[in-house]
Amino acid sequence: MIQLYQEVLAIDKSLADKNPSVYLPNVAITLINLGILYFDKNEFSEAFVKYQDALKISRSLAKNNPSVYLPSVAGTLNNLGNLHSKKNDFSEALVNYQKALKTYQSLTKTNSSAFLPIIAMTLANLANLYSVRNDISTALEKYGEAMKVYQLLAEDNPNTYLPDVAATLHNLVVLQKAKNL
């Protein structure tokens, strides 16, 4: 699968050299997909390079068309947060999750329904990160923020978001017990 994506990437890059406005977004998407594949194979250094390259392209595209490309910037930052978290590089994970969260929050001004679920997920990622670092108070705070978003989402779509409410509530209870021990 990786080899096929590398072939796609070579083609995308060749096309982007001739017509960047049309094909550069494809290069970024292919880089992200390759990063995910490398991440899944625990080949973190390769995943990191692909994510960084995708982030650079997405940021440059977002300068001219933020409503279209900022979601890609935020998603790639979230992927980098996951990568750093998996590598136990908590400070870098934190920086990337916070940047992703800030970007997603800015996007809710124009389309809250599309980005609120991702905000809740990013808050949960932050809570997990703080929990692993034994910063229980901050983890509880972030889970609480995620819970508020999931509850808001569950009002309109309970079948989709009540499981997230329950999972977040479970995490809050577990951490609260740990804090009280």
N, C-alpha and C. Protein backbone atom coordinates (compact mmCIF):
# COMPACT_ATOMS: atom_id res chain seq x y z
N MET A 1 0.82 -1.19 0.00
CA MET A 1 0.00 0.00 0.00
C MET A 1 0.87 1.26 0.00
N ILE A 2 1.92 1.27 0.82
CA ILE A 2 2.79 2.44 0.87
C ILE A 2 3.42 2.70 -0.49
N GLN A 3 3.85 1.63 -1.14
CA GLN A 3 4.49 1.79 -2.45
C GLN A 3 3.52 2.42 -3.46
N LEU A 4 2.26 2.02 -3.39
CA LEU A 4 1.27 2.60 -4.30
C LEU A 4 1.08 4.09 -4.02
N TYR A 5 1.00 4.45 -2.74
CA TYR A 5 0.87 5.86 -2.40
C TYR A 5 2.11 6.65 -2.80
N GLN A 6 3.28 6.04 -2.72
CA GLN A 6 4.49 6.73 -3.15
C GLN A 6 4.45 6.99 -4.66
N GLU A 7 3.89 6.04 -5.39
CA GLU A 7 3.73 6.25 -6.84
C GLU A 7 2.74 7.38 -7.11
N VAL A 8 1.64 7.38 -6.36
CA VAL A 8 0.66 8.45 -6.49
C VAL A 8 1.30 9.79 -6.16
N LEU A 9 2.10 9.81 -5.10
CA LEU A 9 2.78 11.05 -4.69
C LEU A 9 3.69 11.56 -5.80
N ALA A 10 4.43 10.67 -6.42
CA ALA A 10 5.32 11.08 -7.51
C ALA A 10 4.53 11.70 -8.67
N ILE A 11 3.40 11.09 -8.98
CA ILE A 11 2.56 11.62 -10.06
C ILE A 11 1.97 12.97 -9.65
N ASP A 12 1.45 13.04 -8.42
CA ASP A 12 0.88 14.29 -7.93
C ASP A 12 1.91 15.42 -7.95
N LYS A 13 3.12 15.12 -7.51
CA LYS A 13 4.17 16.15 -7.51
C LYS A 13 4.50 16.60 -8.92
N SER A 14 4.56 15.66 -9.84
CA SER A 14 4.84 15.99 -11.23
C SER A 14 3.75 16.91 -11.80
N LEU A 15 2.51 16.57 -11.51
CA LEU A 15 1.40 17.40 -11.97
C LEU A 15 1.40 18.77 -11.29
N ALA A 16 1.74 18.79 -10.00
CA ALA A 16 1.77 20.04 -9.25
C ALA A 16 2.88 20.97 -9.75
N ASP A 17 3.96 20.39 -10.26
CA ASP A 17 5.02 21.22 -10.82
C ASP A 17 4.50 22.03 -12.01
N LYS A 18 3.57 21.43 -12.76
CA LYS A 18 3.03 22.08 -13.95
C LYS A 18 1.83 22.97 -13.64
N ASN A 19 1.03 22.54 -12.64
CA ASN A 19 -0.19 23.28 -12.32
C ASN A 19 -0.45 23.20 -10.82
N PRO A 20 0.31 23.98 -10.03
CA PRO A 20 0.22 23.85 -8.57
C PRO A 20 -1.15 24.18 -7.99
N SER A 21 -1.85 25.13 -8.56
CA SER A 21 -3.13 25.51 -7.98
C SER A 21 -4.14 24.36 -8.04
N VAL A 22 -4.00 23.50 -9.01
CA VAL A 22 -4.92 22.36 -9.14
C VAL A 22 -4.42 21.14 -8.39
N TYR A 23 -3.12 20.86 -8.45
CA TYR A 23 -2.61 19.57 -7.97
C TYR A 23 -1.89 19.61 -6.62
N LEU A 24 -1.52 20.78 -6.15
CA LEU A 24 -0.84 20.84 -4.85
C LEU A 24 -1.72 20.31 -3.71
N PRO A 25 -3.03 20.57 -3.70
CA PRO A 25 -3.87 19.96 -2.67
C PRO A 25 -3.81 18.43 -2.68
N ASN A 26 -3.72 17.85 -3.88
CA ASN A 26 -3.60 16.39 -3.98
C ASN A 26 -2.30 15.89 -3.35
N VAL A 27 -1.24 16.66 -3.53
CA VAL A 27 0.05 16.29 -2.92
C VAL A 27 -0.11 16.25 -1.40
N ALA A 28 -0.76 17.27 -0.84
CA ALA A 28 -0.95 17.32 0.62
C ALA A 28 -1.77 16.13 1.10
N ILE A 29 -2.85 15.82 0.40
CA ILE A 29 -3.71 14.69 0.80
C ILE A 29 -2.94 13.38 0.74
N THR A 30 -2.17 13.19 -0.30
CA THR A 30 -1.39 11.96 -0.44
C THR A 30 -0.33 11.87 0.66
N LEU A 31 0.30 12.99 0.99
CA LEU A 31 1.28 13.00 2.08
C LEU A 31 0.63 12.62 3.41
N ILE A 32 -0.56 13.16 3.66
CA ILE A 32 -1.28 12.82 4.89
C ILE A 32 -1.60 11.32 4.92
N ASN A 33 -2.08 10.80 3.80
CA ASN A 33 -2.40 9.37 3.75
C ASN A 33 -1.16 8.51 3.96
N LEU A 34 -0.05 8.92 3.39
CA LEU A 34 1.20 8.19 3.62
C LEU A 34 1.61 8.29 5.09
N GLY A 35 1.46 9.48 5.67
CA GLY A 35 1.78 9.65 7.09
C GLY A 35 0.96 8.72 7.96
N ILE A 36 -0.32 8.60 7.66
CA ILE A 36 -1.20 7.70 8.42
C ILE A 36 -0.73 6.25 8.28
N LEU A 37 -0.39 5.86 7.06
CA LEU A 37 0.09 4.48 6.86
C LEU A 37 1.37 4.21 7.63
N TYR A 38 2.30 5.16 7.58
CA TYR A 38 3.54 4.98 8.33
C TYR A 38 3.28 4.98 9.84
N PHE A 39 2.37 5.83 10.29
CA PHE A 39 2.01 5.86 11.71
C PHE A 39 1.46 4.50 12.14
N ASP A 40 0.57 3.96 11.33
CA ASP A 40 -0.04 2.66 11.65
C ASP A 40 0.99 1.53 11.70
N LYS A 41 2.09 1.71 10.97
CA LYS A 41 3.16 0.71 10.98
C LYS A 41 4.24 1.03 12.02
N ASN A 42 3.98 2.04 12.87
CA ASN A 42 4.94 2.50 13.88
C ASN A 42 6.25 2.99 13.28
N GLU A 43 6.21 3.47 12.07
CA GLU A 43 7.37 4.07 11.43
C GLU A 43 7.24 5.59 11.59
N PHE A 44 7.50 6.03 12.83
CA PHE A 44 7.18 7.39 13.22
C PHE A 44 8.02 8.45 12.53
N SER A 45 9.28 8.16 12.25
CA SER A 45 10.10 9.18 11.60
C SER A 45 9.59 9.46 10.18
N GLU A 46 9.17 8.41 9.48
CA GLU A 46 8.61 8.60 8.13
C GLU A 46 7.27 9.32 8.21
N ALA A 47 6.44 8.94 9.17
CA ALA A 47 5.14 9.60 9.35
C ALA A 47 5.34 11.08 9.63
N PHE A 48 6.31 11.39 10.50
CA PHE A 48 6.58 12.78 10.86
C PHE A 48 6.94 13.60 9.63
N VAL A 49 7.82 13.08 8.80
CA VAL A 49 8.25 13.80 7.60
C VAL A 49 7.05 14.06 6.68
N LYS A 50 6.22 13.05 6.49
CA LYS A 50 5.06 13.20 5.61
C LYS A 50 4.08 14.24 6.17
N TYR A 51 3.82 14.16 7.49
CA TYR A 51 2.91 15.12 8.11
C TYR A 51 3.47 16.54 8.01
N GLN A 52 4.76 16.70 8.24
CA GLN A 52 5.38 18.03 8.18
C GLN A 52 5.27 18.60 6.77
N ASP A 53 5.55 17.76 5.77
CA ASP A 53 5.45 18.22 4.38
C ASP A 53 4.01 18.61 4.04
N ALA A 54 3.04 17.80 4.49
CA ALA A 54 1.63 18.10 4.24
C ALA A 54 1.22 19.39 4.94
N LEU A 55 1.71 19.57 6.16
CA LEU A 55 1.39 20.77 6.93
C LEU A 55 1.91 22.02 6.23
N LYS A 56 3.11 21.94 5.73
CA LYS A 56 3.71 23.09 5.02
C LYS A 56 2.86 23.46 3.80
N ILE A 57 2.45 22.46 3.04
CA ILE A 57 1.63 22.72 1.85
C ILE A 57 0.27 23.27 2.25
N SER A 58 -0.36 22.63 3.24
CA SER A 58 -1.70 23.07 3.66
C SER A 58 -1.68 24.49 4.20
N ARG A 59 -0.64 24.83 4.94
CA ARG A 59 -0.53 26.21 5.45
C ARG A 59 -0.39 27.21 4.30
N SER A 60 0.40 26.85 3.30
CA SER A 60 0.58 27.78 2.17
C SER A 60 -0.74 27.93 1.40
N LEU A 61 -1.48 26.84 1.24
CA LEU A 61 -2.77 26.90 0.56
C LEU A 61 -3.79 27.69 1.38
N ALA A 62 -3.73 27.55 2.70
CA ALA A 62 -4.68 28.22 3.58
C ALA A 62 -4.51 29.74 3.57
N LYS A 63 -3.33 30.21 3.21
CA LYS A 63 -3.12 31.67 3.16
C LYS A 63 -4.06 32.32 2.15
N ASN A 64 -4.30 31.64 1.03
CA ASN A 64 -5.16 32.19 -0.01
C ASN A 64 -6.61 31.74 0.12
N ASN A 65 -6.84 30.61 0.77
CA ASN A 65 -8.20 30.08 0.86
C ASN A 65 -8.39 29.37 2.21
N PRO A 66 -8.46 30.15 3.29
CA PRO A 66 -8.50 29.53 4.62
C PRO A 66 -9.71 28.65 4.87
N SER A 67 -10.87 29.01 4.35
CA SER A 67 -12.05 28.20 4.64
C SER A 67 -11.94 26.79 4.06
N VAL A 68 -11.19 26.64 3.00
CA VAL A 68 -11.02 25.33 2.38
C VAL A 68 -9.87 24.55 3.00
N TYR A 69 -8.76 25.22 3.32
CA TYR A 69 -7.54 24.50 3.69
C TYR A 69 -7.18 24.53 5.18
N LEU A 70 -7.81 25.40 5.96
CA LEU A 70 -7.52 25.38 7.41
C LEU A 70 -7.94 24.06 8.07
N PRO A 71 -9.04 23.43 7.63
CA PRO A 71 -9.33 22.12 8.22
C PRO A 71 -8.21 21.10 8.01
N SER A 72 -7.55 21.16 6.87
CA SER A 72 -6.42 20.26 6.62
C SER A 72 -5.25 20.60 7.52
N VAL A 73 -5.03 21.88 7.75
CA VAL A 73 -3.97 22.31 8.68
C VAL A 73 -4.25 21.74 10.06
N ALA A 74 -5.48 21.94 10.54
CA ALA A 74 -5.84 21.48 11.88
C ALA A 74 -5.77 19.95 11.98
N GLY A 75 -6.25 19.27 10.96
CA GLY A 75 -6.21 17.80 10.98
C GLY A 75 -4.79 17.27 11.00
N THR A 76 -3.92 17.91 10.26
CA THR A 76 -2.52 17.48 10.24
C THR A 76 -1.85 17.78 11.58
N LEU A 77 -2.19 18.91 12.20
CA LEU A 77 -1.67 19.21 13.54
C LEU A 77 -2.15 18.16 14.54
N ASN A 78 -3.40 17.75 14.42
CA ASN A 78 -3.93 16.71 15.29
C ASN A 78 -3.18 15.39 15.07
N ASN A 79 -2.92 15.06 13.80
CA ASN A 79 -2.14 13.85 13.49
C ASN A 79 -0.74 13.93 14.11
N LEU A 80 -0.13 15.11 14.02
CA LEU A 80 1.19 15.29 14.64
C LEU A 80 1.11 15.16 16.16
N GLY A 81 0.03 15.67 16.74
CA GLY A 81 -0.18 15.49 18.18
C GLY A 81 -0.28 14.02 18.55
N ASN A 82 -1.03 13.26 17.76
CA ASN A 82 -1.14 11.82 18.00
C ASN A 82 0.22 11.13 17.88
N LEU A 83 0.98 11.54 16.88
CA LEU A 83 2.30 10.95 16.66
C LEU A 83 3.23 11.23 17.84
N HIS A 84 3.28 12.46 18.26
CA HIS A 84 4.15 12.82 19.39
C HIS A 84 3.68 12.16 20.68
N SER A 85 2.38 12.05 20.84
CA SER A 85 1.84 11.38 22.02
C SER A 85 2.26 9.91 22.04
N LYS A 86 2.17 9.27 20.90
CA LYS A 86 2.55 7.85 20.79
C LYS A 86 4.05 7.67 21.08
N LYS A 87 4.85 8.67 20.72
CA LYS A 87 6.30 8.62 20.96
C LYS A 87 6.67 9.09 22.36
N ASN A 88 5.66 9.40 23.18
CA ASN A 88 5.87 9.93 24.53
C ASN A 88 6.59 11.27 24.54
N ASP A 89 6.44 12.03 23.48
CA ASP A 89 6.97 13.38 23.41
C ASP A 89 5.82 14.33 23.74
N PHE A 90 5.54 14.44 25.02
CA PHE A 90 4.32 15.09 25.47
C PHE A 90 4.31 16.60 25.20
N SER A 91 5.46 17.25 25.29
CA SER A 91 5.46 18.70 25.06
C SER A 91 5.11 19.02 23.61
N GLU A 92 5.65 18.26 22.67
CA GLU A 92 5.31 18.48 21.25
C GLU A 92 3.87 18.07 20.96
N ALA A 93 3.41 17.01 21.58
CA ALA A 93 2.01 16.61 21.41
C ALA A 93 1.09 17.72 21.88
N LEU A 94 1.40 18.28 23.03
CA LEU A 94 0.59 19.36 23.60
C LEU A 94 0.54 20.56 22.67
N VAL A 95 1.69 20.97 22.16
CA VAL A 95 1.75 22.12 21.25
C VAL A 95 0.88 21.88 20.02
N ASN A 96 0.99 20.69 19.43
CA ASN A 96 0.23 20.40 18.21
C ASN A 96 -1.27 20.31 18.49
N TYR A 97 -1.66 19.64 19.58
CA TYR A 97 -3.09 19.57 19.92
C TYR A 97 -3.66 20.96 20.19
N GLN A 98 -2.91 21.80 20.89
CA GLN A 98 -3.40 23.15 21.19
C GLN A 98 -3.56 23.98 19.91
N LYS A 99 -2.61 23.86 18.99
CA LYS A 99 -2.73 24.58 17.72
C LYS A 99 -3.92 24.06 16.92
N ALA A 100 -4.10 22.75 16.92
CA ALA A 100 -5.25 22.16 16.21
C ALA A 100 -6.55 22.66 16.81
N LEU A 101 -6.63 22.64 18.14
CA LEU A 101 -7.84 23.09 18.83
C LEU A 101 -8.15 24.55 18.49
N LYS A 102 -7.15 25.39 18.55
CA LYS A 102 -7.35 26.82 18.25
C LYS A 102 -7.85 27.00 16.81
N THR A 103 -7.29 26.23 15.89
CA THR A 103 -7.70 26.33 14.49
C THR A 103 -9.14 25.85 14.32
N TYR A 104 -9.47 24.71 14.93
CA TYR A 104 -10.85 24.20 14.85
C TYR A 104 -11.83 25.20 15.46
N GLN A 105 -11.45 25.80 16.59
CA GLN A 105 -12.34 26.77 17.22
C GLN A 105 -12.59 27.97 16.31
N SER A 106 -11.57 28.39 15.58
CA SER A 106 -11.76 29.51 14.65
C SER A 106 -12.70 29.10 13.51
N LEU A 107 -12.65 27.83 13.13
CA LEU A 107 -13.50 27.36 12.03
C LEU A 107 -14.96 27.23 12.43
N THR A 108 -15.24 27.10 13.73
CA THR A 108 -16.64 26.98 14.16
C THR A 108 -17.41 28.27 13.93
N LYS A 109 -16.72 29.37 13.75
CA LYS A 109 -17.40 30.64 13.50
C LYS A 109 -18.18 30.60 12.20
N THR A 110 -17.71 29.81 11.24
CA THR A 110 -18.40 29.72 9.96
C THR A 110 -19.19 28.42 9.78
N ASN A 111 -18.82 27.37 10.54
CA ASN A 111 -19.52 26.10 10.38
C ASN A 111 -19.38 25.27 11.66
N SER A 112 -20.13 25.64 12.68
CA SER A 112 -19.96 24.97 13.97
C SER A 112 -20.33 23.49 13.92
N SER A 113 -21.36 23.13 13.17
CA SER A 113 -21.78 21.72 13.16
C SER A 113 -20.71 20.80 12.60
N ALA A 114 -19.90 21.29 11.69
CA ALA A 114 -18.85 20.46 11.11
C ALA A 114 -17.67 20.29 12.04
N PHE A 115 -17.40 21.29 12.87
CA PHE A 115 -16.16 21.27 13.64
C PHE A 115 -16.32 21.01 15.13
N LEU A 116 -17.53 21.14 15.67
CA LEU A 116 -17.72 20.85 17.09
C LEU A 116 -17.33 19.41 17.46
N PRO A 117 -17.70 18.41 16.66
CA PRO A 117 -17.28 17.05 17.03
C PRO A 117 -15.76 16.89 17.06
N ILE A 118 -15.07 17.57 16.16
CA ILE A 118 -13.62 17.47 16.11
C ILE A 118 -13.00 18.23 17.29
N ILE A 119 -13.64 19.32 17.69
CA ILE A 119 -13.17 20.04 18.87
C ILE A 119 -13.28 19.14 20.10
N ALA A 120 -14.41 18.46 20.23
CA ALA A 120 -14.59 17.55 21.38
C ALA A 120 -13.53 16.46 21.38
N MET A 121 -13.25 15.89 20.21
CA MET A 121 -12.23 14.85 20.10
C MET A 121 -10.85 15.40 20.46
N THR A 122 -10.55 16.60 20.01
CA THR A 122 -9.25 17.21 20.32
C THR A 122 -9.13 17.51 21.80
N LEU A 123 -10.21 17.98 22.41
CA LEU A 123 -10.21 18.18 23.86
C LEU A 123 -9.98 16.86 24.60
N ALA A 124 -10.59 15.79 24.11
CA ALA A 124 -10.37 14.47 24.71
C ALA A 124 -8.92 14.03 24.53
N ASN A 125 -8.34 14.31 23.36
CA ASN A 125 -6.92 14.00 23.14
C ASN A 125 -6.05 14.74 24.15
N LEU A 126 -6.36 16.01 24.36
CA LEU A 126 -5.62 16.80 25.35
C LEU A 126 -5.81 16.22 26.76
N ALA A 127 -7.03 15.85 27.08
CA ALA A 127 -7.29 15.26 28.40
C ALA A 127 -6.51 13.96 28.58
N ASN A 128 -6.49 13.13 27.55
CA ASN A 128 -5.70 11.89 27.63
C ASN A 128 -4.23 12.19 27.86
N LEU A 129 -3.74 13.19 27.16
CA LEU A 129 -2.33 13.58 27.29
C LEU A 129 -2.03 14.04 28.72
N TYR A 130 -2.87 14.90 29.26
CA TYR A 130 -2.67 15.37 30.63
C TYR A 130 -2.81 14.22 31.63
N SER A 131 -3.72 13.31 31.34
CA SER A 131 -3.90 12.17 32.24
C SER A 131 -2.64 11.31 32.31
N VAL A 132 -2.05 11.05 31.17
CA VAL A 132 -0.82 10.25 31.12
C VAL A 132 0.32 10.97 31.86
N ARG A 133 0.29 12.29 31.84
CA ARG A 133 1.32 13.08 32.53
C ARG A 133 0.99 13.24 34.02
N ASN A 134 -0.09 12.61 34.46
CA ASN A 134 -0.56 12.69 35.85
C ASN A 134 -0.95 14.11 36.27
N ASP A 135 -1.32 14.92 35.30
CA ASP A 135 -1.89 16.23 35.59
C ASP A 135 -3.41 16.05 35.60
N ILE A 136 -3.88 15.45 36.69
CA ILE A 136 -5.28 15.03 36.78
C ILE A 136 -6.22 16.23 36.73
N SER A 137 -5.87 17.31 37.39
CA SER A 137 -6.76 18.48 37.40
C SER A 137 -7.00 19.03 35.99
N THR A 138 -5.93 19.16 35.22
CA THR A 138 -6.08 19.67 33.86
C THR A 138 -6.79 18.65 32.98
N ALA A 139 -6.51 17.37 33.18
CA ALA A 139 -7.22 16.33 32.43
C ALA A 139 -8.72 16.40 32.71
N LEU A 140 -9.09 16.56 33.97
CA LEU A 140 -10.51 16.68 34.33
C LEU A 140 -11.13 17.91 33.66
N GLU A 141 -10.39 19.00 33.65
CA GLU A 141 -10.88 20.23 33.01
C GLU A 141 -11.15 20.00 31.52
N LYS A 142 -10.19 19.37 30.83
CA LYS A 142 -10.35 19.14 29.38
C LYS A 142 -11.46 18.14 29.09
N TYR A 143 -11.57 17.08 29.90
CA TYR A 143 -12.69 16.15 29.73
C TYR A 143 -14.01 16.86 29.98
N GLY A 144 -14.03 17.77 30.96
CA GLY A 144 -15.25 18.53 31.23
C GLY A 144 -15.65 19.39 30.03
N GLU A 145 -14.65 20.01 29.40
CA GLU A 145 -14.92 20.81 28.20
C GLU A 145 -15.43 19.93 27.06
N ALA A 146 -14.80 18.77 26.90
CA ALA A 146 -15.24 17.83 25.86
C ALA A 146 -16.67 17.37 26.16
N MET A 147 -16.96 17.10 27.43
CA MET A 147 -18.29 16.65 27.82
C MET A 147 -19.36 17.67 27.44
N LYS A 148 -19.08 18.95 27.69
CA LYS A 148 -20.05 20.00 27.35
C LYS A 148 -20.34 20.00 25.85
N VAL A 149 -19.30 19.84 25.05
CA VAL A 149 -19.49 19.83 23.60
C VAL A 149 -20.27 18.59 23.18
N TYR A 150 -19.90 17.43 23.71
CA TYR A 150 -20.62 16.20 23.36
C TYR A 150 -22.09 16.27 23.80
N GLN A 151 -22.36 16.85 24.97
CA GLN A 151 -23.75 16.98 25.42
C GLN A 151 -24.54 17.90 24.49
N LEU A 152 -23.91 18.98 24.06
CA LEU A 152 -24.55 19.89 23.12
C LEU A 152 -24.86 19.15 21.81
N LEU A 153 -23.91 18.39 21.32
CA LEU A 153 -24.11 17.63 20.09
C LEU A 153 -25.18 16.56 20.26
N ALA A 154 -25.23 15.93 21.44
CA ALA A 154 -26.20 14.87 21.70
C ALA A 154 -27.63 15.39 21.75
N GLU A 155 -27.81 16.67 22.06
CA GLU A 155 -29.15 17.24 22.07
C GLU A 155 -29.80 17.12 20.70
N ASP A 156 -29.01 17.35 19.65
CA ASP A 156 -29.53 17.30 18.29
C ASP A 156 -29.41 15.91 17.66
N ASN A 157 -28.42 15.14 18.11
CA ASN A 157 -28.18 13.84 17.48
C ASN A 157 -27.75 12.82 18.55
N PRO A 158 -28.71 12.38 19.37
CA PRO A 158 -28.35 11.49 20.48
C PRO A 158 -27.79 10.14 20.03
N ASN A 159 -28.28 9.60 18.94
CA ASN A 159 -27.79 8.29 18.50
C ASN A 159 -26.30 8.32 18.17
N THR A 160 -25.84 9.44 17.68
CA THR A 160 -24.43 9.56 17.31
C THR A 160 -23.56 9.94 18.51
N TYR A 161 -24.03 10.86 19.35
CA TYR A 161 -23.14 11.44 20.35
C TYR A 161 -23.34 10.97 21.79
N LEU A 162 -24.43 10.28 22.10
CA LEU A 162 -24.57 9.77 23.47
C LEU A 162 -23.47 8.77 23.84
N PRO A 163 -23.00 7.93 22.92
CA PRO A 163 -21.86 7.07 23.28
C PRO A 163 -20.61 7.88 23.66
N ASP A 164 -20.39 9.02 23.00
CA ASP A 164 -19.26 9.88 23.35
C ASP A 164 -19.47 10.53 24.72
N VAL A 165 -20.72 10.91 25.00
CA VAL A 165 -21.03 11.46 26.32
C VAL A 165 -20.71 10.41 27.38
N ALA A 166 -21.17 9.19 27.16
CA ALA A 166 -20.94 8.11 28.13
C ALA A 166 -19.45 7.82 28.31
N ALA A 167 -18.71 7.75 27.21
CA ALA A 167 -17.27 7.46 27.30
C ALA A 167 -16.52 8.57 28.03
N THR A 168 -16.90 9.81 27.75
CA THR A 168 -16.24 10.94 28.41
C THR A 168 -16.61 10.97 29.89
N LEU A 169 -17.87 10.69 30.20
CA LEU A 169 -18.28 10.62 31.60
C LEU A 169 -17.52 9.53 32.33
N HIS A 170 -17.34 8.40 31.67
CA HIS A 170 -16.56 7.30 32.27
C HIS A 170 -15.14 7.78 32.58
N ASN A 171 -14.50 8.45 31.63
CA ASN A 171 -13.15 8.96 31.84
C ASN A 171 -13.10 9.96 32.99
N LEU A 172 -14.13 10.79 33.09
CA LEU A 172 -14.19 11.75 34.19
C LEU A 172 -14.29 11.04 35.55
N VAL A 173 -15.11 10.01 35.61
CA VAL A 173 -15.27 9.25 36.87
C VAL A 173 -13.97 8.57 37.25
N VAL A 174 -13.32 7.94 36.30
CA VAL A 174 -12.06 7.24 36.57
C VAL A 174 -11.01 8.22 37.08
N LEU A 175 -10.90 9.36 36.42
CA LEU A 175 -9.91 10.35 36.86
C LEU A 175 -10.27 10.97 38.21
N GLN A 176 -11.55 11.18 38.43
CA GLN A 176 -11.97 11.74 39.71
C GLN A 176 -11.62 10.76 40.84
N LYS A 177 -11.83 9.45 40.59
CA LYS A 177 -11.44 8.45 41.58
C LYS A 177 -9.93 8.48 41.83
N ALA A 178 -9.17 8.60 40.75
CA ALA A 178 -7.71 8.64 40.88
C ALA A 178 -7.27 9.88 41.67
N LYS A 179 -7.94 10.97 41.44
CA LYS A 179 -7.60 12.22 42.13
C LYS A 179 -7.89 12.11 43.62
N ASN A 180 -8.94 11.39 43.97
CA ASN A 180 -9.34 11.28 45.37
C ASN A 180 -8.58 10.19 46.13
N LEU A 181 -7.79 9.40 45.44
CA LEU A 181 -7.03 8.33 46.13
C LEU A 181 -5.87 8.85 46.89
